[in-house]
Amino acid sequence: MNAIIHTASAVTSACPIRPVVIPVIGDQLHLAESSIKTHVASIFLRLDTTNRVQAAIVAHQLGLV
């Protein structure tokens, strides 16, 4: 769970409350687009969600962000 919290923090730090596309997140974090997609998919899986809106809601409810 610590890894998911760290990844979620990095992603949310890189993209405050506004729609951001994956290539922009990758540029801000200096990571490949495929790495961002992998991390986002992992977040969705661990939070049992299918999109960023659901993941943000669940993460907020769990106190992760």
C-alpha atoms as a PDB file:
ATOM      1  CA  MET A   1       0.000   0.000   0.000  1.00  0.00           C
ATOM      2  CA  ASN A   2       2.948   2.375   0.622  1.00  0.00           C
ATOM      3  CA  ALA A   3       3.961   2.137  -3.036  1.00  0.00           C
ATOM      4  CA  ILE A   4       0.470   3.057  -4.186  1.00  0.00           C
ATOM      5  CA  ILE A   5       0.394   6.036  -1.810  1.00  0.00           C
ATOM      6  CA  HIS A   6       3.777   7.214  -3.121  1.00  0.00           C
ATOM      7  CA  THR A   7       2.693   6.805  -6.754  1.00  0.00           C
ATOM      8  CA  ALA A   8      -0.660   8.488  -6.127  1.00  0.00           C
ATOM      9  CA  SER A   9       1.129  11.380  -4.411  1.00  0.00           C
ATOM     10  CA  ALA A  10       3.523  11.786  -7.325  1.00  0.00           C
ATOM     11  CA  VAL A  11       0.733  11.737  -9.873  1.00  0.00           C
ATOM     12  CA  THR A  12      -1.498  14.132  -7.941  1.00  0.00           C
ATOM     13  CA  SER A  13       1.437  16.464  -7.265  1.00  0.00           C
ATOM     14  CA  ALA A  14       2.179  16.550 -10.953  1.00  0.00           C
ATOM     15  CA  CYS A  15      -1.416  17.191 -11.942  1.00  0.00           C
ATOM     16  CA  PRO A  16      -3.429  19.377  -9.602  1.00  0.00           C
ATOM     17  CA  ILE A  17      -7.198  19.615 -10.052  1.00  0.00           C
ATOM     18  CA  ARG A  18      -7.393  20.043 -13.800  1.00  0.00           C
ATOM     19  CA  PRO A  19      -7.561  17.598 -16.675  1.00  0.00           C
ATOM     20  CA  VAL A  20      -4.058  16.547 -17.659  1.00  0.00           C
ATOM     21  CA  VAL A  21      -3.155  14.076 -20.361  1.00  0.00           C
ATOM     22  CA  ILE A  22      -0.688  11.284 -19.718  1.00  0.00           C
ATOM     23  CA  PRO A  23       2.144  12.727 -21.872  1.00  0.00           C
ATOM     24  CA  VAL A  24       2.043  15.950 -19.828  1.00  0.00           C
ATOM     25  CA  ILE A  25       2.267  13.973 -16.564  1.00  0.00           C
ATOM     26  CA  GLY A  26       5.224  12.050 -18.020  1.00  0.00           C
ATOM     27  CA  ASP A  27       6.985  15.274 -18.988  1.00  0.00           C
ATOM     28  CA  GLN A  28       6.452  16.771 -15.523  1.00  0.00           C
ATOM     29  CA  LEU A  29       7.726  13.646 -13.754  1.00  0.00           C
ATOM     30  CA  HIS A  30      10.447  12.921 -16.361  1.00  0.00           C
ATOM     31  CA  LEU A  31       9.005   9.446 -16.987  1.00  0.00           C
ATOM     32  CA  ALA A  32       8.019   7.623 -20.156  1.00  0.00           C
ATOM     33  CA  GLU A  33       4.366   7.688 -21.155  1.00  0.00           C
ATOM     34  CA  SER A  34       4.260   3.889 -20.812  1.00  0.00           C
ATOM     35  CA  SER A  35       5.494   4.171 -17.199  1.00  0.00           C
ATOM     36  CA  ILE A  36       2.730   6.630 -16.347  1.00  0.00           C
ATOM     37  CA  LYS A  37       0.127   4.365 -17.962  1.00  0.00           C
ATOM     38  CA  THR A  38       1.441   1.414 -15.944  1.00  0.00           C
ATOM     39  CA  HIS A  39       1.300   3.363 -12.666  1.00  0.00           C
ATOM     40  CA  VAL A  40      -2.178   4.721 -13.394  1.00  0.00           C
ATOM     41  CA  ALA A  41      -3.419   1.211 -14.247  1.00  0.00           C
ATOM     42  CA  SER A  42      -1.922  -0.045 -10.968  1.00  0.00           C
ATOM     43  CA  ILE A  43      -3.708   2.706  -9.039  1.00  0.00           C
ATOM     44  CA  PHE A  44      -7.013   1.805 -10.726  1.00  0.00           C
ATOM     45  CA  LEU A  45      -6.522  -1.880  -9.901  1.00  0.00           C
ATOM     46  CA  ARG A  46      -5.606  -1.314  -6.257  1.00  0.00           C
ATOM     47  CA  LEU A  47      -8.434   1.148  -5.701  1.00  0.00           C
ATOM     48  CA  ASP A  48     -10.881  -1.073  -7.650  1.00  0.00           C
ATOM     49  CA  THR A  49     -11.745   1.732 -10.072  1.00  0.00           C
ATOM     50  CA  THR A  50     -11.801   2.121 -13.846  1.00  0.00           C
ATOM     51  CA  ASN A  51     -11.042   5.817 -14.398  1.00  0.00           C
ATOM     52  CA  ARG A  52      -9.318   8.838 -12.869  1.00  0.00           C
ATOM     53  CA  VAL A  53     -12.498  10.362 -11.490  1.00  0.00           C
ATOM     54  CA  GLN A  54     -13.406   7.203  -9.584  1.00  0.00           C
ATOM     55  CA  ALA A  55      -9.798   6.816  -8.395  1.00  0.00           C
ATOM     56  CA  ALA A  56      -9.720  10.413  -7.138  1.00  0.00           C
ATOM     57  CA  ILE A  57     -12.989   9.932  -5.248  1.00  0.00           C
ATOM     58  CA  VAL A  58     -11.841   6.681  -3.625  1.00  0.00           C
ATOM     59  CA  ALA A  59      -8.396   8.105  -2.807  1.00  0.00           C
ATOM     60  CA  HIS A  60     -10.053  11.114  -1.180  1.00  0.00           C
ATOM     61  CA  GLN A  61     -12.421   8.873   0.815  1.00  0.00           C
ATOM     62  CA  LEU A  62      -9.428   6.837   2.030  1.00  0.00           C
ATOM     63  CA  GLY A  63      -7.527   9.982   2.985  1.00  0.00           C
ATOM     64  CA  LEU A  64      -4.734   9.343   0.463  1.00  0.00           C
ATOM     65  CA  VAL A  65      -4.967  12.828  -1.069  1.00  0.00           C
END
